[in-house]
Protein backbone atom coordinates (compact mmCIF):
# COMPACT_ATOMS: atom_id res chain seq x y z
CA MET A 1 -67.14 125.37 34.87
CA SER A 2 -65.00 128.19 33.47
CA ASP A 3 -66.16 131.35 31.76
CA ASP A 4 -64.88 130.02 28.40
CA ASP A 5 -67.18 126.99 28.63
CA ALA A 6 -70.16 129.19 29.44
CA THR A 7 -69.35 131.48 26.51
CA SER A 8 -68.95 128.52 24.14
CA ASP A 9 -72.29 127.06 25.24
CA ALA A 10 -74.00 130.41 24.73
CA GLU A 11 -72.45 130.92 21.28
CA ALA A 12 -73.40 127.47 19.95
CA PRO A 13 -77.04 128.40 19.21
CA LYS A 14 -75.88 131.63 17.56
CA VAL A 15 -73.51 129.73 15.29
CA GLN A 16 -76.24 127.25 14.36
CA ASP A 17 -78.61 130.15 13.66
CA ILE A 18 -76.03 131.87 11.45
CA LEU A 19 -75.35 128.63 9.57
CA ALA A 20 -79.08 128.08 9.06
CA ARG A 21 -79.52 131.61 7.72
CA LEU A 22 -76.55 131.26 5.37
CA LYS A 23 -77.93 127.99 4.07
CA GLN A 24 -81.35 129.58 3.59
CA MET A 25 -79.78 132.45 1.63
CA ALA A 26 -77.53 130.17 -0.43
CA ASP A 27 -80.18 127.59 -1.38
CA PRO A 28 -81.82 129.72 -4.15
CA LEU A 29 -78.40 130.54 -5.60
CA VAL A 30 -77.37 126.89 -5.60
CA ALA A 31 -80.67 125.87 -7.18
CA SER A 32 -80.26 128.51 -9.88
CA LEU A 33 -76.70 127.44 -10.66
CA ASP A 34 -77.77 123.80 -10.71
CA SER A 35 -80.54 124.60 -13.16
CA ARG A 36 -78.22 126.56 -15.46
CA LEU A 37 -75.54 123.88 -15.40
CA SER A 38 -78.10 121.16 -16.09
CA GLY A 39 -79.34 123.14 -19.08
CA GLN A 40 -75.82 123.58 -20.45
CA VAL A 41 -75.00 119.92 -19.94
CA ASP A 42 -78.26 118.90 -21.64
CA LYS A 43 -77.46 121.10 -24.65
CA ARG A 44 -73.95 119.68 -24.95
CA VAL A 45 -75.16 116.11 -24.62
CA ASP A 46 -77.89 116.70 -27.21
CA LYS A 47 -75.34 118.21 -29.61
CA ARG A 48 -72.92 115.29 -29.19
CA VAL A 49 -75.72 112.75 -29.63
CA GLU A 50 -76.87 114.50 -32.80
CA GLU A 51 -73.31 114.52 -34.17
CA SER A 52 -72.86 110.86 -33.33
CA LEU A 53 -76.19 109.91 -34.91
CA LYS A 54 -75.38 111.97 -38.00
CA ASP A 55 -72.05 110.13 -38.40
CA ARG A 56 -73.71 106.75 -37.94
CA LEU A 57 -76.50 107.64 -40.34
CA THR A 58 -73.92 108.58 -42.96
CA VAL A 59 -72.23 105.19 -42.58
CA ILE A 60 -75.60 103.44 -42.84
CA GLU A 61 -76.54 105.44 -45.94
CA HIS A 62 -73.26 104.47 -47.61
CA ALA A 63 -73.82 100.81 -46.72
CA ILE A 64 -77.35 100.95 -48.17
CA ALA A 65 -76.03 102.56 -51.36
CA ASP A 66 -73.37 99.82 -51.64
CA LEU A 67 -76.00 97.14 -51.14
CA ASP A 68 -78.27 98.76 -53.70
CA ARG A 69 -75.47 98.78 -56.28
CA ALA A 70 -74.65 95.15 -55.53
CA VAL A 71 -78.31 94.13 -55.93
CA ARG A 72 -78.56 96.02 -59.24
CA GLU A 73 -75.41 94.32 -60.50
CA LEU A 74 -76.77 90.92 -59.52
CA ASN A 75 -80.09 91.68 -61.23
CA GLU A 76 -78.23 92.71 -64.38
CA ARG A 77 -76.20 89.48 -64.33
CA LEU A 78 -79.34 87.41 -63.86
CA LYS A 79 -81.06 89.12 -66.80
CA ASP A 80 -78.18 88.26 -69.11
């Protein structure tokens, strides 16, 4: 076995330890970012859903008004 192999074997646990520590330090940051992004996405989705529902409700209200006028006209014709 050469000296390079011995050095590589000795450094492997150190690298794993460093990676574990970095992950441990990064986890709270990632969780925080994930939470913020989820909140922003939720707000945007809610806003788009509200806009879509508002547009659909407007169409439905117009259709109801048209139906109401048609029913009134029919009632007037039947009275005559």
